[in-house]
C-alpha atoms as a PDB file:
ATOM      1  CA  MET A   1     130.639  77.129 166.245  1.00  0.00           C
ATOM      2  CA  ALA A   2     127.096  76.348 167.920  1.00  0.00           C
ATOM      3  CA  LYS A   3     125.583  78.804 170.201  1.00  0.00           C
ATOM      4  CA  GLN A   4     125.585  77.621 173.845  1.00  0.00           C
ATOM      5  CA  PRO A   5     121.884  76.903 175.069  1.00  0.00           C
ATOM      6  CA  LYS A   6     120.703  79.215 178.025  1.00  0.00           C
ATOM      7  CA  ALA A   7     118.654  78.209 180.932  1.00  0.00           C
ATOM      8  CA  ALA A   8     115.525  79.624 179.289  1.00  0.00           C
ATOM      9  CA  ASP A   9     116.169  77.085 176.397  1.00  0.00           C
ATOM     10  CA  TYR A  10     116.352  74.179 178.960  1.00  0.00           C
ATOM     11  CA  ARG A  11     113.104  75.603 180.660  1.00  0.00           C
ATOM     12  CA  GLN A  12     111.218  74.982 177.559  1.00  0.00           C
ATOM     13  CA  MET A  13     112.119  71.363 177.446  1.00  0.00           C
ATOM     14  CA  ASN A  14     110.035  68.728 179.263  1.00  0.00           C
ATOM     15  CA  ASP A  15     111.474  66.495 182.056  1.00  0.00           C
ATOM     16  CA  GLU A  16     112.376  63.692 179.834  1.00  0.00           C
ATOM     17  CA  GLN A  17     114.080  65.944 177.195  1.00  0.00           C
ATOM     18  CA  LEU A  18     116.148  67.403 179.978  1.00  0.00           C
ATOM     19  CA  ALA A  19     117.187  64.032 181.391  1.00  0.00           C
ATOM     20  CA  LEU A  20     118.360  62.956 177.918  1.00  0.00           C
ATOM     21  CA  THR A  21     120.192  66.147 177.247  1.00  0.00           C
ATOM     22  CA  LEU A  22     121.905  65.938 180.703  1.00  0.00           C
ATOM     23  CA  LYS A  23     122.980  62.166 179.932  1.00  0.00           C
ATOM     24  CA  ASP A  24     124.280  63.397 176.576  1.00  0.00           C
ATOM     25  CA  ILE A  25     126.418  66.230 177.962  1.00  0.00           C
ATOM     26  CA  GLU A  26     127.754  64.098 180.843  1.00  0.00           C
ATOM     27  CA  ARG A  27     128.922  61.555 178.178  1.00  0.00           C
ATOM     28  CA  ASP A  28     130.614  64.347 176.197  1.00  0.00           C
ATOM     29  CA  LEU A  29     132.234  65.604 179.282  1.00  0.00           C
ATOM     30  CA  PHE A  30     133.555  62.125 180.060  1.00  0.00           C
ATOM     31  CA  LYS A  31     134.996  61.909 176.594  1.00  0.00           C
ATOM     32  CA  LEU A  32     136.613  65.353 176.954  1.00  0.00           C
ATOM     33  CA  ARG A  33     138.066  64.451 180.263  1.00  0.00           C
ATOM     34  CA  PHE A  34     139.510  61.289 178.684  1.00  0.00           C
ATOM     35  CA  GLN A  35     140.983  63.382 175.908  1.00  0.00           C
ATOM     36  CA  SER A  36     142.572  65.825 178.218  1.00  0.00           C
ATOM     37  CA  ALA A  37     144.134  63.028 180.231  1.00  0.00           C
ATOM     38  CA  THR A  38     145.733  61.618 176.962  1.00  0.00           C
ATOM     39  CA  ASP A  39     146.687  65.118 175.791  1.00  0.00           C
ATOM     40  CA  ARG A  40     144.573  65.002 172.836  1.00  0.00           C
ATOM     41  CA  LEU A  41     142.051  67.731 173.839  1.00  0.00           C
ATOM     42  CA  GLU A  42     141.917  70.476 171.007  1.00  0.00           C
ATOM     43  CA  THR A  43     139.801  73.094 172.924  1.00  0.00           C
ATOM     44  CA  PRO A  44     139.918  73.103 176.683  1.00  0.00           C
ATOM     45  CA  SER A  45     137.087  75.544 176.738  1.00  0.00           C
ATOM     46  CA  GLU A  46     134.670  72.713 175.716  1.00  0.00           C
ATOM     47  CA  MET A  47     135.172  71.146 179.258  1.00  0.00           C
ATOM     48  CA  LEU A  48     134.016  74.440 180.763  1.00  0.00           C
ATOM     49  CA  LYS A  49     131.099  74.741 178.549  1.00  0.00           C
ATOM     50  CA  ALA A  50     129.949  71.199 179.324  1.00  0.00           C
ATOM     51  CA  ARG A  51     130.206  71.730 183.027  1.00  0.00           C
ATOM     52  CA  ARG A  52     128.056  74.936 182.739  1.00  0.00           C
ATOM     53  CA  SER A  53     125.557  73.318 180.706  1.00  0.00           C
ATOM     54  CA  ILE A  54     125.226  70.490 183.230  1.00  0.00           C
ATOM     55  CA  ALA A  55     124.945  73.013 186.025  1.00  0.00           C
ATOM     56  CA  ARG A  56     122.067  74.871 184.059  1.00  0.00           C
ATOM     57  CA  ILE A  57     120.179  71.679 183.500  1.00  0.00           C
ATOM     58  CA  LYS A  58     120.504  70.601 187.017  1.00  0.00           C
ATOM     59  CA  THR A  59     119.274  74.056 188.248  1.00  0.00           C
ATOM     60  CA  VAL A  60     116.310  73.866 186.140  1.00  0.00           C
ATOM     61  CA  GLN A  61     115.551  70.300 187.315  1.00  0.00           C
ATOM     62  CA  ARG A  62     115.745  71.509 190.982  1.00  0.00           C
ATOM     63  CA  GLN A  63     113.716  74.468 190.437  1.00  0.00           C
ATOM     64  CA  ARG A  64     110.992  72.219 189.015  1.00  0.00           C
ATOM     65  CA  GLU A  65     111.422  69.839 191.865  1.00  0.00           C
ATOM     66  CA  LEU A  66     110.878  72.662 194.411  1.00  0.00           C
ATOM     67  CA  ALA A  67     107.908  73.965 192.586  1.00  0.00           C
ATOM     68  CA  ASN A  68     106.304  70.546 192.552  1.00  0.00           C
ATOM     69  CA  GLU A  69     106.946  70.255 196.319  1.00  0.00           C
ATOM     70  CA  LYS A  70     105.436  73.565 196.918  1.00  0.00           C
ATOM     71  CA  LEU A  71     102.243  72.576 195.010  1.00  0.00           C
ATOM     72  CA  GLU A  72     101.915  69.443 197.014  1.00  0.00           C
ATOM     73  CA  GLU A  73     102.149  71.333 200.233  1.00  0.00           C
ATOM     74  CA  LYS A  74      99.348  73.636 199.020  1.00  0.00           C
ATOM     75  CA  LYS A  75      97.228  70.455 198.205  1.00  0.00           C
ATOM     76  CA  ALA A  76      97.769  68.992 201.705  1.00  0.00           C
END
């Protein structure tokens, strides 16, 4: 089983990589939800892991957004 990426791993990625990773994980979560609805989901914990990864990525994106806003305020 692959190790779950941590927030520090996501912080090392650039914005484009983060967006692509987020898109992939959201697609996987959709597939997992579909499997769950049709009673074909083998490991329910995968849904939780996907949701947590999405939350981590969105947190990193928001932190960067706030940091950029703060820089803009200092320039103005």
